[in-house]
Amino acid sequence: METKKNLKTCKNGHQFFKSSDCPTCPICEEERKPRDSFLSLIGAPARRALEREGITTLEILSTYSEKEILTLHGMGKSTIPKLNDLLSKAGILFKKE
């Protein structure tokens, strides 16, 4: 069954099709995506969840436990292994619970 997609226009004038009520413009989201930080390596919902909390570096991320990160809206279980790998490569870990 195919979901009907609606033509939407963001506040910046980009037009895009979306089937959900989510107002996020994929064009704006791609433009604001970091190019050179660990945030560029994870999905947009997870990235936005971390950014909302002010988690912009691996050092800041390491002050949180996995459980705390999983409670953030937009963070999925599949992102935790990626974050663990990035932290491990930097020689740091999530905070112990």
PDB file of N, CA and C in Angstrom:
ATOM      1  N   MET A   1       0.830  -1.172   0.000  1.00  0.00           N
ATOM      2  CA  MET A   1       0.000   0.000   0.000  1.00  0.00           C
ATOM      3  C   MET A   1       0.880   1.242   0.000  1.00  0.00           C
ATOM      4  N   GLU A   2       0.689   2.104  -0.937  1.00  0.00           N
ATOM      5  CA  GLU A   2       1.502   3.310  -1.065  1.00  0.00           C
ATOM      6  C   GLU A   2       0.882   4.447  -0.268  1.00  0.00           C
ATOM      7  N   THR A   3       1.722   5.145   0.502  1.00  0.00           N
ATOM      8  CA  THR A   3       1.254   6.273   1.290  1.00  0.00           C
ATOM      9  C   THR A   3       1.236   7.527   0.433  1.00  0.00           C
ATOM     10  N   LYS A   4       0.171   8.296   0.567  1.00  0.00           N
ATOM     11  CA  LYS A   4       0.058   9.531  -0.204  1.00  0.00           C
ATOM     12  C   LYS A   4       1.018  10.577   0.358  1.00  0.00           C
ATOM     13  N   LYS A   5       1.804  11.145  -0.515  1.00  0.00           N
ATOM     14  CA  LYS A   5       2.741  12.184  -0.110  1.00  0.00           C
ATOM     15  C   LYS A   5       2.189  13.541  -0.509  1.00  0.00           C
ATOM     16  N   ASN A   6       2.314  14.482   0.404  1.00  0.00           N
ATOM     17  CA  ASN A   6       1.814  15.828   0.175  1.00  0.00           C
ATOM     18  C   ASN A   6       2.958  16.783  -0.138  1.00  0.00           C
ATOM     19  N   LEU A   7       2.724  17.683  -1.059  1.00  0.00           N
ATOM     20  CA  LEU A   7       3.709  18.710  -1.379  1.00  0.00           C
ATOM     21  C   LEU A   7       3.696  19.747  -0.265  1.00  0.00           C
ATOM     22  N   LYS A   8       4.862  20.003   0.295  1.00  0.00           N
ATOM     23  CA  LYS A   8       5.001  20.976   1.374  1.00  0.00           C
ATOM     24  C   LYS A   8       6.036  22.009   0.976  1.00  0.00           C
ATOM     25  N   THR A   9       5.962  23.175   1.605  1.00  0.00           N
ATOM     26  CA  THR A   9       6.935  24.240   1.387  1.00  0.00           C
ATOM     27  C   THR A   9       7.431  24.689   2.755  1.00  0.00           C
ATOM     28  N   CYS A  10       8.747  24.713   2.944  1.00  0.00           N
ATOM     29  CA  CYS A  10       9.304  25.141   4.227  1.00  0.00           C
ATOM     30  C   CYS A  10       9.389  26.665   4.272  1.00  0.00           C
ATOM     31  N   LYS A  11       9.779  27.187   5.428  1.00  0.00           N
ATOM     32  CA  LYS A  11       9.862  28.646   5.600  1.00  0.00           C
ATOM     33  C   LYS A  11      10.937  29.273   4.711  1.00  0.00           C
ATOM     34  N   ASN A  12      11.857  28.451   4.210  1.00  0.00           N
ATOM     35  CA  ASN A  12      12.904  28.953   3.311  1.00  0.00           C
ATOM     36  C   ASN A  12      12.513  28.832   1.839  1.00  0.00           C
ATOM     37  N   GLY A  13      11.305  28.338   1.593  1.00  0.00           N
ATOM     38  CA  GLY A  13      10.807  28.248   0.218  1.00  0.00           C
ATOM     39  C   GLY A  13      11.111  26.949  -0.499  1.00  0.00           C
ATOM     40  N   HIS A  14      11.755  25.983   0.166  1.00  0.00           N
ATOM     41  CA  HIS A  14      12.027  24.687  -0.462  1.00  0.00           C
ATOM     42  C   HIS A  14      10.733  23.885  -0.543  1.00  0.00           C
ATOM     43  N   GLN A  15      10.526  23.243  -1.664  1.00  0.00           N
ATOM     44  CA  GLN A  15       9.363  22.384  -1.800  1.00  0.00           C
ATOM     45  C   GLN A  15       9.809  20.934  -1.747  1.00  0.00           C
ATOM     46  N   PHE A  16       9.012  20.122  -1.042  1.00  0.00           N
ATOM     47  CA  PHE A  16       9.349  18.711  -0.864  1.00  0.00           C
ATOM     48  C   PHE A  16       8.066  17.932  -0.600  1.00  0.00           C
ATOM     49  N   PHE A  17       8.117  16.625  -0.827  1.00  0.00           N
ATOM     50  CA  PHE A  17       6.971  15.759  -0.590  1.00  0.00           C
ATOM     51  C   PHE A  17       7.208  14.974   0.697  1.00  0.00           C
ATOM     52  N   LYS A  18       6.162  14.881   1.516  1.00  0.00           N
ATOM     53  CA  LYS A  18       6.225  14.110   2.746  1.00  0.00           C
ATOM     54  C   LYS A  18       4.867  13.512   3.045  1.00  0.00           C
ATOM     55  N   SER A  19       4.870  12.302   3.564  1.00  0.00           N
ATOM     56  CA  SER A  19       3.610  11.636   3.899  1.00  0.00           C
ATOM     57  C   SER A  19       3.229  11.845   5.363  1.00  0.00           C
ATOM     58  N   SER A  20       4.145  12.328   6.173  1.00  0.00           N
ATOM     59  CA  SER A  20       3.855  12.526   7.591  1.00  0.00           C
ATOM     60  C   SER A  20       3.589  14.002   7.889  1.00  0.00           C
ATOM     61  N   ASP A  21       3.229  14.275   9.129  1.00  0.00           N
ATOM     62  CA  ASP A  21       3.016  15.654   9.564  1.00  0.00           C
ATOM     63  C   ASP A  21       4.323  16.326   9.987  1.00  0.00           C
ATOM     64  N   CYS A  22       5.403  15.608   9.933  1.00  0.00           N
ATOM     65  CA  CYS A  22       6.696  16.154  10.342  1.00  0.00           C
ATOM     66  C   CYS A  22       7.036  17.380   9.489  1.00  0.00           C
ATOM     67  N   PRO A  23       7.315  18.511  10.131  1.00  0.00           N
ATOM     68  CA  PRO A  23       7.581  19.735   9.374  1.00  0.00           C
ATOM     69  C   PRO A  23       9.019  19.878   8.887  1.00  0.00           C
ATOM     70  N   THR A  24       9.890  18.937   9.234  1.00  0.00           N
ATOM     71  CA  THR A  24      11.303  19.053   8.892  1.00  0.00           C
ATOM     72  C   THR A  24      11.507  18.975   7.384  1.00  0.00           C
ATOM     73  N   CYS A  25      12.153  19.995   6.862  1.00  0.00           N
ATOM     74  CA  CYS A  25      12.455  20.057   5.436  1.00  0.00           C
ATOM     75  C   CYS A  25      13.743  19.270   5.173  1.00  0.00           C
ATOM     76  N   PRO A  26      13.720  18.279   4.294  1.00  0.00           N
ATOM     77  CA  PRO A  26      14.928  17.496   4.042  1.00  0.00           C
ATOM     78  C   PRO A  26      16.045  18.319   3.389  1.00  0.00           C
ATOM     79  N   ILE A  27      15.694  19.349   2.652  1.00  0.00           N
ATOM     80  CA  ILE A  27      16.707  20.191   2.003  1.00  0.00           C
ATOM     81  C   ILE A  27      17.412  21.045   3.051  1.00  0.00           C
ATOM     82  N   CYS A  28      16.628  21.691   3.923  1.00  0.00           N
ATOM     83  CA  CYS A  28      17.218  22.489   5.012  1.00  0.00           C
ATOM     84  C   CYS A  28      18.050  21.603   5.940  1.00  0.00           C
ATOM     85  N   GLU A  29      17.545  20.401   6.217  1.00  0.00           N
ATOM     86  CA  GLU A  29      18.242  19.474   7.112  1.00  0.00           C
ATOM     87  C   GLU A  29      19.602  19.086   6.536  1.00  0.00           C
ATOM     88  N   GLU A  30      19.671  18.852   5.244  1.00  0.00           N
ATOM     89  CA  GLU A  30      20.941  18.505   4.598  1.00  0.00           C
ATOM     90  C   GLU A  30      21.904  19.682   4.633  1.00  0.00           C
ATOM     91  N   GLU A  31      21.377  20.884   4.464  1.00  0.00           N
ATOM     92  CA  GLU A  31      22.225  22.077   4.478  1.00  0.00           C
ATOM     93  C   GLU A  31      22.816  22.344   5.858  1.00  0.00           C
ATOM     94  N   ARG A  32      22.096  22.009   6.924  1.00  0.00           N
ATOM     95  CA  ARG A  32      22.586  22.294   8.262  1.00  0.00           C
ATOM     96  C   ARG A  32      23.356  21.128   8.880  1.00  0.00           C
ATOM     97  N   LYS A  33      23.433  20.028   8.170  1.00  0.00           N
ATOM     98  CA  LYS A  33      24.137  18.848   8.666  1.00  0.00           C
ATOM     99  C   LYS A  33      25.625  19.166   8.815  1.00  0.00           C
ATOM    100  N   PRO A  34      26.202  18.866   9.980  1.00  0.00           N
ATOM    101  CA  PRO A  34      27.640  19.110  10.163  1.00  0.00           C
ATOM    102  C   PRO A  34      28.460  18.249   9.198  1.00  0.00           C
ATOM    103  N   ARG A  35      29.557  18.765   8.769  1.00  0.00           N
ATOM    104  CA  ARG A  35      30.393  18.037   7.806  1.00  0.00           C
ATOM    105  C   ARG A  35      31.623  17.392   8.445  1.00  0.00           C
ATOM    106  N   ASP A  36      32.019  17.893   9.626  1.00  0.00           N
ATOM    107  CA  ASP A  36      33.303  17.432  10.159  1.00  0.00           C
ATOM    108  C   ASP A  36      33.269  17.056  11.636  1.00  0.00           C
ATOM    109  N   SER A  37      32.112  16.704  12.167  1.00  0.00           N
ATOM    110  CA  SER A  37      32.073  16.248  13.553  1.00  0.00           C
ATOM    111  C   SER A  37      31.410  14.880  13.610  1.00  0.00           C
ATOM    112  N   PHE A  38      31.450  14.273  14.775  1.00  0.00           N
ATOM    113  CA  PHE A  38      30.841  12.954  14.921  1.00  0.00           C
ATOM    114  C   PHE A  38      29.351  13.000  14.611  1.00  0.00           C
ATOM    115  N   LEU A  39      28.734  14.165  14.742  1.00  0.00           N
ATOM    116  CA  LEU A  39      27.308  14.301  14.460  1.00  0.00           C
ATOM    117  C   LEU A  39      26.981  14.061  12.986  1.00  0.00           C
ATOM    118  N   SER A  40      27.966  14.196  12.119  1.00  0.00           N
ATOM    119  CA  SER A  40      27.727  13.956  10.695  1.00  0.00           C
ATOM    120  C   SER A  40      27.610  12.465  10.381  1.00  0.00           C
ATOM    121  N   LEU A  41      27.955  11.615  11.340  1.00  0.00           N
ATOM    122  CA  LEU A  41      27.981  10.172  11.112  1.00  0.00           C
ATOM    123  C   LEU A  41      26.742   9.448  11.619  1.00  0.00           C
ATOM    124  N   ILE A  42      25.795  10.192  12.180  1.00  0.00           N
ATOM    125  CA  ILE A  42      24.577   9.566  12.693  1.00  0.00           C
ATOM    126  C   ILE A  42      23.355  10.170  11.995  1.00  0.00           C
ATOM    127  N   GLY A  43      22.237   9.499  12.125  1.00  0.00           N
ATOM    128  CA  GLY A  43      21.012   9.947  11.474  1.00  0.00           C
ATOM    129  C   GLY A  43      20.503  11.274  12.013  1.00  0.00           C
ATOM    130  N   ALA A  44      19.720  11.946  11.197  1.00  0.00           N
ATOM    131  CA  ALA A  44      19.221  13.286  11.540  1.00  0.00           C
ATOM    132  C   ALA A  44      18.391  13.319  12.823  1.00  0.00           C
ATOM    133  N   PRO A  45      17.467  12.389  13.070  1.00  0.00           N
ATOM    134  CA  PRO A  45      16.711  12.477  14.326  1.00  0.00           C
ATOM    135  C   PRO A  45      17.614  12.363  15.559  1.00  0.00           C
ATOM    136  N   ALA A  46      18.574  11.455  15.501  1.00  0.00           N
ATOM    137  CA  ALA A  46      19.506  11.291  16.621  1.00  0.00           C
ATOM    138  C   ALA A  46      20.398  12.530  16.765  1.00  0.00           C
ATOM    139  N   ARG A  47      20.834  13.064  15.640  1.00  0.00           N
ATOM    140  CA  ARG A  47      21.677  14.271  15.679  1.00  0.00           C
ATOM    141  C   ARG A  47      20.919  15.430  16.315  1.00  0.00           C
ATOM    142  N   ARG A  48      19.683  15.627  15.890  1.00  0.00           N
ATOM    143  CA  ARG A  48      18.875  16.711  16.464  1.00  0.00           C
ATOM    144  C   ARG A  48      18.649  16.500  17.950  1.00  0.00           C
ATOM    145  N   ALA A  49      18.455  15.251  18.380  1.00  0.00           N
ATOM    146  CA  ALA A  49      18.262  14.951  19.802  1.00  0.00           C
ATOM    147  C   ALA A  49      19.496  15.365  20.609  1.00  0.00           C
ATOM    148  N   LEU A  50      20.667  15.036  20.104  1.00  0.00           N
ATOM    149  CA  LEU A  50      21.903  15.411  20.805  1.00  0.00           C
ATOM    150  C   LEU A  50      22.097  16.923  20.787  1.00  0.00           C
ATOM    151  N   GLU A  51      21.855  17.542  19.656  1.00  0.00           N
ATOM    152  CA  GLU A  51      22.016  19.000  19.552  1.00  0.00           C
ATOM    153  C   GLU A  51      21.082  19.729  20.518  1.00  0.00           C
ATOM    154  N   ARG A  52      19.842  19.243  20.662  1.00  0.00           N
ATOM    155  CA  ARG A  52      18.889  19.868  21.595  1.00  0.00           C
ATOM    156  C   ARG A  52      19.417  19.865  23.024  1.00  0.00           C
ATOM    157  N   GLU A  53      20.196  18.840  23.354  1.00  0.00           N
ATOM    158  CA  GLU A  53      20.760  18.722  24.707  1.00  0.00           C
ATOM    159  C   GLU A  53      22.109  19.421  24.831  1.00  0.00           C
ATOM    160  N   GLY A  54      22.606  20.003  23.741  1.00  0.00           N
ATOM    161  CA  GLY A  54      23.909  20.663  23.783  1.00  0.00           C
ATOM    162  C   GLY A  54      25.076  19.703  23.698  1.00  0.00           C
ATOM    163  N   ILE A  55      24.816  18.497  23.229  1.00  0.00           N
ATOM    164  CA  ILE A  55      25.863  17.469  23.103  1.00  0.00           C
ATOM    165  C   ILE A  55      26.464  17.591  21.710  1.00  0.00           C
ATOM    166  N   THR A  56      27.560  18.320  21.628  1.00  0.00           N
ATOM    167  CA  THR A  56      28.159  18.602  20.328  1.00  0.00           C
ATOM    168  C   THR A  56      29.567  18.028  20.180  1.00  0.00           C
ATOM    169  N   THR A  57      30.078  17.427  21.247  1.00  0.00           N
ATOM    170  CA  THR A  57      31.398  16.787  21.174  1.00  0.00           C
ATOM    171  C   THR A  57      31.324  15.418  21.837  1.00  0.00           C
ATOM    172  N   LEU A  58      32.268  14.564  21.520  1.00  0.00           N
ATOM    173  CA  LEU A  58      32.323  13.248  22.160  1.00  0.00           C
ATOM    174  C   LEU A  58      32.624  13.376  23.647  1.00  0.00           C
ATOM    175  N   GLU A  59      33.378  14.396  24.021  1.00  0.00           N
ATOM    176  CA  GLU A  59      33.701  14.605  25.435  1.00  0.00           C
ATOM    177  C   GLU A  59      32.433  14.907  26.231  1.00  0.00           C
ATOM    178  N   ILE A  60      31.567  15.732  25.673  1.00  0.00           N
ATOM    179  CA  ILE A  60      30.295  16.024  26.340  1.00  0.00           C
ATOM    180  C   ILE A  60      29.431  14.764  26.359  1.00  0.00           C
ATOM    181  N   LEU A  61      29.398  14.031  25.253  1.00  0.00           N
ATOM    182  CA  LEU A  61      28.626  12.801  25.172  1.00  0.00           C
ATOM    183  C   LEU A  61      29.045  11.823  26.259  1.00  0.00           C
ATOM    184  N   SER A  62      30.333  11.757  26.564  1.00  0.00           N
ATOM    185  CA  SER A  62      30.840  10.800  27.549  1.00  0.00           C
ATOM    186  C   SER A  62      30.395  11.111  28.980  1.00  0.00           C
ATOM    187  N   THR A  63      29.797  12.278  29.195  1.00  0.00           N
ATOM    188  CA  THR A  63      29.285  12.609  30.539  1.00  0.00           C
ATOM    189  C   THR A  63      27.867  12.071  30.739  1.00  0.00           C
ATOM    190  N   TYR A  64      27.312  11.414  29.731  1.00  0.00           N
ATOM    191  CA  TYR A  64      25.986  10.807  29.790  1.00  0.00           C
ATOM    192  C   TYR A  64      26.119   9.292  29.743  1.00  0.00           C
ATOM    193  N   SER A  65      25.148   8.600  30.330  1.00  0.00           N
ATOM    194  CA  SER A  65      25.109   7.140  30.219  1.00  0.00           C
ATOM    195  C   SER A  65      24.321   6.764  28.967  1.00  0.00           C
ATOM    196  N   GLU A  66      24.478   5.531  28.528  1.00  0.00           N
ATOM    197  CA  GLU A  66      23.698   5.047  27.378  1.00  0.00           C
ATOM    198  C   GLU A  66      22.208   5.176  27.661  1.00  0.00           C
ATOM    199  N   LYS A  67      21.819   4.843  28.878  1.00  0.00           N
ATOM    200  CA  LYS A  67      20.406   4.906  29.266  1.00  0.00           C
ATOM    201  C   LYS A  67      19.870   6.333  29.150  1.00  0.00           C
ATOM    202  N   GLU A  68      20.652   7.302  29.574  1.00  0.00           N
ATOM    203  CA  GLU A  68      20.237   8.706  29.475  1.00  0.00           C
ATOM    204  C   GLU A  68      20.077   9.131  28.021  1.00  0.00           C
ATOM    205  N   ILE A  69      20.998   8.708  27.178  1.00  0.00           N
ATOM    206  CA  ILE A  69      20.936   9.061  25.757  1.00  0.00           C
ATOM    207  C   ILE A  69      19.722   8.430  25.098  1.00  0.00           C
ATOM    208  N   LEU A  70      19.412   7.197  25.456  1.00  0.00           N
ATOM    209  CA  LEU A  70      18.260   6.517  24.868  1.00  0.00           C
ATOM    210  C   LEU A  70      16.928   7.166  25.237  1.00  0.00           C
ATOM    211  N   THR A  71      16.891   7.953  26.302  1.00  0.00           N
ATOM    212  CA  THR A  71      15.637   8.609  26.684  1.00  0.00           C
ATOM    213  C   THR A  71      15.354   9.842  25.834  1.00  0.00           C
ATOM    214  N   LEU A  72      16.322  10.301  25.061  1.00  0.00           N
ATOM    215  CA  LEU A  72      16.124  11.504  24.248  1.00  0.00           C
ATOM    216  C   LEU A  72      15.200  11.214  23.075  1.00  0.00           C
ATOM    217  N   HIS A  73      14.250  12.106  22.850  1.00  0.00           N
ATOM    218  CA  HIS A  73      13.320  11.953  21.728  1.00  0.00           C
ATOM    219  C   HIS A  73      14.095  12.020  20.412  1.00  0.00           C
ATOM    220  N   GLY A  74      13.958  10.996  19.596  1.00  0.00           N
ATOM    221  CA  GLY A  74      14.659  10.937  18.318  1.00  0.00           C
ATOM    222  C   GLY A  74      15.847   9.987  18.329  1.00  0.00           C
ATOM    223  N   MET A  75      16.207   9.525  19.523  1.00  0.00           N
ATOM    224  CA  MET A  75      17.354   8.622  19.642  1.00  0.00           C
ATOM    225  C   MET A  75      16.857   7.188  19.555  1.00  0.00           C
ATOM    226  N   GLY A  76      17.438   6.418  18.648  1.00  0.00           N
ATOM    227  CA  GLY A  76      17.051   5.025  18.501  1.00  0.00           C
ATOM    228  C   GLY A  76      18.128   4.087  19.002  1.00  0.00           C
ATOM    229  N   LYS A  77      17.729   2.853  19.279  1.00  0.00           N
ATOM    230  CA  LYS A  77      18.673   1.850  19.780  1.00  0.00           C
ATOM    231  C   LYS A  77      19.795   1.568  18.788  1.00  0.00           C
ATOM    232  N   SER A  78      19.528   1.733  17.505  1.00  0.00           N
ATOM    233  CA  SER A  78      20.553   1.442  16.495  1.00  0.00           C
ATOM    234  C   SER A  78      21.672   2.482  16.495  1.00  0.00           C
ATOM    235  N   THR A  79      21.438   3.633  17.108  1.00  0.00           N
ATOM    236  CA  THR A  79      22.465   4.677  17.139  1.00  0.00           C
ATOM    237  C   THR A  79      23.499   4.418  18.225  1.00  0.00           C
ATOM    238  N   ILE A  80      23.106   3.737  19.296  1.00  0.00           N
ATOM    239  CA  ILE A  80      24.014   3.513  20.430  1.00  0.00           C
ATOM    240  C   ILE A  80      25.285   2.770  20.012  1.00  0.00           C
ATOM    241  N   PRO A  81      25.216   1.691  19.223  1.00  0.00           N
ATOM    242  CA  PRO A  81      26.472   1.044  18.796  1.00  0.00           C
ATOM    243  C   PRO A  81      27.380   1.995  18.001  1.00  0.00           C
ATOM    244  N   LYS A  82      26.794   2.856  17.181  1.00  0.00           N
ATOM    245  CA  LYS A  82      27.594   3.824  16.426  1.00  0.00           C
ATOM    246  C   LYS A  82      28.293   4.786  17.379  1.00  0.00           C
ATOM    247  N   LEU A  83      27.534   5.274  18.373  1.00  0.00           N
ATOM    248  CA  LEU A  83      28.121   6.201  19.347  1.00  0.00           C
ATOM    249  C   LEU A  83      29.195   5.510  20.180  1.00  0.00           C
ATOM    250  N   ASN A  84      28.947   4.257  20.574  1.00  0.00           N
ATOM    251  CA  ASN A  84      29.963   3.498  21.314  1.00  0.00           C
ATOM    252  C   ASN A  84      31.247   3.357  20.505  1.00  0.00           C
ATOM    253  N   ASP A  85      31.097   3.083  19.219  1.00  0.00           N
ATOM    254  CA  ASP A  85      32.261   2.932  18.341  1.00  0.00           C
ATOM    255  C   ASP A  85      33.038   4.248  18.240  1.00  0.00           C
ATOM    256  N   LEU A  86      32.319   5.347  18.073  1.00  0.00           N
ATOM    257  CA  LEU A  86      32.980   6.660  17.972  1.00  0.00           C
ATOM    258  C   LEU A  86      33.686   7.016  19.273  1.00  0.00           C
ATOM    259  N   LEU A  87      33.032   6.762  20.396  1.00  0.00           N
ATOM    260  CA  LEU A  87      33.656   7.030  21.694  1.00  0.00           C
ATOM    261  C   LEU A  87      34.894   6.159  21.879  1.00  0.00           C
ATOM    262  N   SER A  88      34.787   4.887  21.545  1.00  0.00           N
ATOM    263  CA  SER A  88      35.904   3.949  21.692  1.00  0.00           C
ATOM    264  C   SER A  88      37.112   4.382  20.866  1.00  0.00           C
ATOM    265  N   LYS A  89      36.861   4.815  19.640  1.00  0.00           N
ATOM    266  CA  LYS A  89      37.962   5.278  18.783  1.00  0.00           C
ATOM    267  C   LYS A  89      38.639   6.519  19.359  1.00  0.00           C
ATOM    268  N   ALA A  90      37.889   7.299  20.136  1.00  0.00           N
ATOM    269  CA  ALA A  90      38.449   8.494  20.771  1.00  0.00           C
ATOM    270  C   ALA A  90      39.071   8.163  22.134  1.00  0.00           C
ATOM    271  N   GLY A  91      38.966   6.895  22.549  1.00  0.00           N
ATOM    272  CA  GLY A  91      39.549   6.469  23.824  1.00  0.00           C
ATOM    273  C   GLY A  91      38.724   6.861  25.037  1.00  0.00           C
ATOM    274  N   ILE A  92      37.422   7.066  24.845  1.00  0.00           N
ATOM    275  CA  ILE A  92      36.542   7.404  25.951  1.00  0.00           C
ATOM    276  C   ILE A  92      35.292   6.527  25.911  1.00  0.00           C
ATOM    277  N   LEU A  93      34.525   6.542  26.991  1.00  0.00           N
ATOM    278  CA  LEU A  93      33.335   5.693  27.102  1.00  0.00           C
ATOM    279  C   LEU A  93      32.154   6.495  27.600  1.00  0.00           C
ATOM    280  N   PHE A  94      30.960   5.914  27.471  1.00  0.00           N
ATOM    281  CA  PHE A  94      29.785   6.493  28.113  1.00  0.00           C
ATOM    282  C   PHE A  94      29.999   6.454  29.628  1.00  0.00           C
ATOM    283  N   LYS A  95      29.326   7.343  30.335  1.00  0.00           N
ATOM    284  CA  LYS A  95      29.352   7.360  31.791  1.00  0.00           C
ATOM    285  C   LYS A  95      28.724   6.048  32.283  1.00  0.00           C
ATOM    286  N   LYS A  96      29.285   5.480  33.347  1.00  0.00           N
ATOM    287  CA  LYS A  96      28.720   4.266  33.938  1.00  0.00           C
ATOM    288  C   LYS A  96      27.438   4.628  34.666  1.00  0.00           C
ATOM    289  N   GLU A  97      26.465   3.716  34.609  1.00  0.00           N
ATOM    290  CA  GLU A  97      25.173   3.972  35.255  1.00  0.00           C
ATOM    291  C   GLU A  97      25.224   3.699  36.730  1.00  0.00           C
TER     292      GLU A  97
END
